[in-house]
């Protein structure tokens, strides 16, 4: 998975459009602690919220961890992806 957005979508929407989302996918290569620390860093959420998302990702396979403008969603994805977490930004 990548953090890239389809070029067709990117050209038809403005960067300030708030209908975008960052989805985090499950992988078995990171501990809960690693994922939670990175979520706190990327989304600026509480540890409690990060734990809830990490459990959702673990049990359901994925979780939307941020919704907003495309640029911000991509920034969140970049931080999560910096430790090789699997993320996707889409609309």
Protein backbone atom coordinates (compact mmCIF):
# COMPACT_ATOMS: atom_id res chain seq x y z
CA UNK A 1 0.00 0.00 0.00
CA UNK A 2 1.18 3.50 -0.57
CA UNK A 3 0.32 6.96 0.58
CA UNK A 4 -0.11 8.16 -2.97
CA UNK A 5 -3.44 9.45 -4.19
CA UNK A 6 -4.83 8.67 -7.65
CA UNK A 7 -3.82 11.45 -10.03
CA UNK A 8 -7.39 11.79 -11.29
CA UNK A 9 -8.64 12.46 -7.76
CA UNK A 10 -5.78 14.84 -7.01
CA UNK A 11 -6.53 17.02 -10.01
CA UNK A 12 -10.28 17.16 -9.44
CA UNK A 13 -10.14 18.23 -5.77
CA UNK A 14 -8.52 21.11 -3.99
CA UNK A 15 -5.92 20.51 -1.32
CA UNK A 16 -8.20 22.13 1.26
CA UNK A 17 -11.09 19.73 0.62
CA UNK A 18 -11.90 17.99 3.90
CA UNK A 19 -13.35 14.75 2.52
CA UNK A 20 -10.05 12.82 2.75
CA UNK A 21 -9.05 10.09 5.19
CA UNK A 22 -5.94 8.27 6.34
CA UNK A 23 -6.41 4.55 6.93
CA UNK A 24 -3.97 2.43 8.91
CA UNK A 25 -3.75 -1.28 8.08
CA UNK A 26 -2.74 -4.22 10.23
CA UNK A 27 0.70 -5.75 9.96
CA UNK A 28 2.45 -8.15 12.28
CA UNK A 29 5.80 -6.39 12.12
CA UNK A 30 5.15 -3.73 14.80
CA UNK A 31 4.28 -3.93 18.47
CA UNK A 32 1.21 -2.24 19.90
CA UNK A 33 3.55 0.20 21.70
CA UNK A 34 5.29 1.19 18.45
CA UNK A 35 1.98 1.77 16.66
CA UNK A 36 0.52 3.73 19.57
CA UNK A 37 3.59 5.98 19.88
CA UNK A 38 3.51 6.71 16.16
CA UNK A 39 -0.23 7.47 16.22
CA UNK A 40 0.25 9.95 19.07
CA UNK A 41 3.06 11.57 17.09
CA UNK A 42 1.16 11.65 13.77
CA UNK A 43 -2.36 12.54 14.85
CA UNK A 44 -1.61 14.35 18.13
CA UNK A 45 -4.16 12.15 19.92
CA UNK A 46 -4.21 10.82 23.46
CA UNK A 47 -2.57 7.51 24.29
CA UNK A 48 -6.05 6.20 25.08
CA UNK A 49 -7.26 7.04 21.55
CA UNK A 50 -4.11 5.54 20.03
CA UNK A 51 -4.73 2.31 21.96
CA UNK A 52 -8.32 2.18 20.73
CA UNK A 53 -7.19 2.60 17.12
CA UNK A 54 -4.38 0.06 17.45
CA UNK A 55 -6.84 -2.50 18.82
CA UNK A 56 -9.30 -1.76 15.99
CA UNK A 57 -6.52 -2.21 13.42
CA UNK A 58 -5.47 -5.47 15.07
CA UNK A 59 -8.98 -6.90 15.34
CA UNK A 60 -10.63 -5.54 12.16
CA UNK A 61 -7.65 -5.22 9.85
CA UNK A 62 -7.77 -1.44 9.46
CA UNK A 63 -8.98 1.81 10.99
CA UNK A 64 -9.48 5.35 9.74
CA UNK A 65 -7.18 7.33 12.02
CA UNK A 66 -7.58 10.78 10.51
CA UNK A 67 -10.13 12.67 8.39
CA UNK A 68 -9.59 16.11 6.93
CA UNK A 69 -7.83 18.01 4.19
CA UNK A 70 -5.74 15.98 1.76
CA UNK A 71 -2.48 17.70 2.73
CA UNK A 72 -2.99 16.93 6.42
CA UNK A 73 -4.02 13.32 5.70
CA UNK A 74 -0.85 12.88 3.65
CA UNK A 75 1.24 14.39 6.45
CA UNK A 76 -0.28 11.92 8.94
CA UNK A 77 0.38 9.07 6.50
CA UNK A 78 4.00 10.19 6.09
CA UNK A 79 4.61 10.08 9.85
CA UNK A 80 2.97 6.66 10.16
CA UNK A 81 4.78 5.37 7.09
CA UNK A 82 8.15 6.55 8.39
CA UNK A 83 8.31 3.38 10.51
CA UNK A 84 6.91 1.27 7.66
CA UNK A 85 3.32 1.11 8.87
CA UNK A 86 0.87 0.36 6.06
CA UNK A 87 -1.28 3.39 5.30
CA UNK A 88 -3.53 4.70 2.56
CA UNK A 89 -4.89 8.18 1.85
CA UNK A 90 -8.11 8.31 -0.14
CA UNK A 91 -11.41 10.02 -0.52
